[in-house]
C-alpha atoms as a PDB file:
ATOM      1  CA  MET A   1    -233.569  71.097 -75.776  1.00  0.00           C
ATOM      2  CA  VAL A   2    -231.291  71.409 -78.803  1.00  0.00           C
ATOM      3  CA  ASN A   3    -231.450  75.188 -78.605  1.00  0.00           C
ATOM      4  CA  ARG A   4    -230.369  75.092 -74.925  1.00  0.00           C
ATOM      5  CA  LYS A   5    -227.360  72.944 -75.767  1.00  0.00           C
ATOM      6  CA  ARG A   6    -226.429  75.248 -78.622  1.00  0.00           C
ATOM      7  CA  LYS A   7    -226.533  78.280 -76.302  1.00  0.00           C
ATOM      8  CA  PHE A   8    -224.457  76.450 -73.700  1.00  0.00           C
ATOM      9  CA  TYR A   9    -221.739  75.503 -76.200  1.00  0.00           C
ATOM     10  CA  LYS A  10    -221.768  78.979 -77.723  1.00  0.00           C
ATOM     11  CA  HIS A  11    -221.225  80.480 -74.256  1.00  0.00           C
ATOM     12  CA  LYS A  12    -218.477  77.954 -73.489  1.00  0.00           C
ATOM     13  CA  ARG A  13    -216.663  78.782 -76.755  1.00  0.00           C
ATOM     14  CA  LYS A  14    -216.923  82.480 -75.897  1.00  0.00           C
ATOM     15  CA  ILE A  15    -215.305  81.903 -72.486  1.00  0.00           C
ATOM     16  CA  ILE A  16    -212.532  79.770 -73.983  1.00  0.00           C
ATOM     17  CA  ARG A  17    -211.853  82.480 -76.594  1.00  0.00           C
ATOM     18  CA  ARG A  18    -211.622  85.170 -73.904  1.00  0.00           C
ATOM     19  CA  ILE A  19    -209.246  83.019 -71.888  1.00  0.00           C
ATOM     20  CA  ALA A  20    -207.052  82.443 -74.926  1.00  0.00           C
ATOM     21  CA  ILE A  21    -206.874  86.199 -75.496  1.00  0.00           C
ATOM     22  CA  ASN A  22    -206.077  86.828 -71.814  1.00  0.00           C
ATOM     23  CA  GLU A  23    -203.659  83.945 -71.279  1.00  0.00           C
ATOM     24  CA  PHE A  24    -200.706  86.288 -70.679  1.00  0.00           C
ATOM     25  CA  ASN A  25    -202.713  88.239 -68.084  1.00  0.00           C
ATOM     26  CA  ILE A  26    -203.827  85.034 -66.320  1.00  0.00           C
ATOM     27  CA  GLU A  27    -200.248  83.748 -66.258  1.00  0.00           C
ATOM     28  CA  GLY A  28    -199.109  86.998 -64.645  1.00  0.00           C
ATOM     29  CA  HIS A  29    -201.805  86.742 -61.980  1.00  0.00           C
ATOM     30  CA  MET A  30    -200.885  83.146 -61.198  1.00  0.00           C
ATOM     31  CA  LYS A  31    -197.156  83.856 -60.870  1.00  0.00           C
ATOM     32  CA  SER A  32    -197.827  86.944 -58.766  1.00  0.00           C
ATOM     33  CA  ILE A  33    -200.118  85.006 -56.411  1.00  0.00           C
ATOM     34  CA  GLY A  34    -197.570  82.210 -56.141  1.00  0.00           C
ATOM     35  CA  TYR A  35    -194.847  84.675 -55.197  1.00  0.00           C
ATOM     36  CA  ARG A  36    -196.826  87.013 -52.910  1.00  0.00           C
ATOM     37  CA  LEU A  37    -199.242  84.690 -51.134  1.00  0.00           C
ATOM     38  CA  LEU A  38    -197.818  81.201 -51.408  1.00  0.00           C
ATOM     39  CA  GLY A  39    -194.213  82.150 -50.672  1.00  0.00           C
ATOM     40  CA  PHE A  40    -192.601  80.796 -53.843  1.00  0.00           C
ATOM     41  CA  SER A  41    -189.145  82.128 -54.705  1.00  0.00           C
ATOM     42  CA  GLU A  42    -188.324  84.788 -57.281  1.00  0.00           C
ATOM     43  CA  GLU A  43    -187.279  82.009 -59.650  1.00  0.00           C
ATOM     44  CA  LEU A  44    -190.970  81.372 -60.255  1.00  0.00           C
ATOM     45  CA  LEU A  45    -191.285  84.834 -61.791  1.00  0.00           C
ATOM     46  CA  GLU A  46    -188.273  84.362 -64.040  1.00  0.00           C
ATOM     47  CA  ILE A  47    -188.777  80.854 -65.392  1.00  0.00           C
ATOM     48  CA  GLY A  48    -190.284  80.322 -68.818  1.00  0.00           C
ATOM     49  CA  ILE A  49    -192.614  77.531 -67.721  1.00  0.00           C
ATOM     50  CA  SER A  50    -196.276  78.467 -68.023  1.00  0.00           C
ATOM     51  CA  LEU A  51    -198.228  77.632 -64.869  1.00  0.00           C
ATOM     52  CA  PHE A  52    -201.448  78.197 -66.767  1.00  0.00           C
ATOM     53  CA  SER A  53    -200.554  75.721 -69.540  1.00  0.00           C
ATOM     54  CA  HIS A  54    -199.386  73.172 -66.996  1.00  0.00           C
ATOM     55  CA  MET A  55    -202.662  73.455 -65.093  1.00  0.00           C
ATOM     56  CA  ARG A  56    -204.694  73.087 -68.311  1.00  0.00           C
ATOM     57  CA  SER A  57    -202.848  69.926 -69.308  1.00  0.00           C
ATOM     58  CA  SER A  58    -202.721  68.328 -65.857  1.00  0.00           C
ATOM     59  CA  MET A  59    -206.441  68.655 -65.083  1.00  0.00           C
ATOM     60  CA  PRO A  60    -208.400  68.902 -68.325  1.00  0.00           C
ATOM     61  CA  ALA A  61    -211.825  68.611 -66.717  1.00  0.00           C
ATOM     62  CA  ALA A  62    -211.441  71.188 -63.948  1.00  0.00           C
ATOM     63  CA  TRP A  63    -208.780  73.659 -65.035  1.00  0.00           C
ATOM     64  CA  LEU A  64    -211.149  76.561 -65.668  1.00  0.00           C
ATOM     65  CA  LYS A  65    -212.829  76.374 -62.238  1.00  0.00           C
ATOM     66  CA  THR A  66    -209.462  75.956 -60.538  1.00  0.00           C
ATOM     67  CA  VAL A  67    -207.854  78.947 -62.256  1.00  0.00           C
ATOM     68  CA  MET A  68    -210.841  81.175 -61.549  1.00  0.00           C
ATOM     69  CA  ARG A  69    -210.937  80.160 -57.871  1.00  0.00           C
ATOM     70  CA  TYR A  70    -207.198  80.640 -57.568  1.00  0.00           C
ATOM     71  CA  ILE A  71    -207.432  84.196 -58.889  1.00  0.00           C
ATOM     72  CA  HIS A  72    -210.643  85.248 -57.132  1.00  0.00           C
ATOM     73  CA  ASN A  73    -209.734  83.719 -53.754  1.00  0.00           C
ATOM     74  CA  SER A  74    -206.529  85.724 -53.754  1.00  0.00           C
ATOM     75  CA  GLY A  75    -208.536  88.942 -53.968  1.00  0.00           C
ATOM     76  CA  ASN A  76    -207.767  89.591 -57.638  1.00  0.00           C
ATOM     77  CA  ALA A  77    -210.095  89.778 -60.597  1.00  0.00           C
ATOM     78  CA  LEU A  78    -209.567  89.298 -64.293  1.00  0.00           C
ATOM     79  CA  GLU A  79    -210.081  92.269 -66.549  1.00  0.00           C
ATOM     80  CA  VAL A  80    -211.296  91.327 -69.996  1.00  0.00           C
ATOM     81  CA  PHE A  81    -208.876  92.479 -72.702  1.00  0.00           C
ATOM     82  CA  TYR A  82    -209.770  92.147 -76.364  1.00  0.00           C
END
């Protein structure tokens, strides 16, 4: 049981680390989707506010699932950059 929990937390840390590395890429996807598919204005692309950071702080329990759905449901996919 302890070993299973350790593997789970190790995997979770790995995902969080990859997201931290790819935060700029994720932010670009989110702004692009907002502009192209949701009809937001060009101001969205130019503002310095991070949609990704706002989403992380506004829904701490579900931000990862929400961001992944948002990107995948738009037909995009995240490339892993190291």
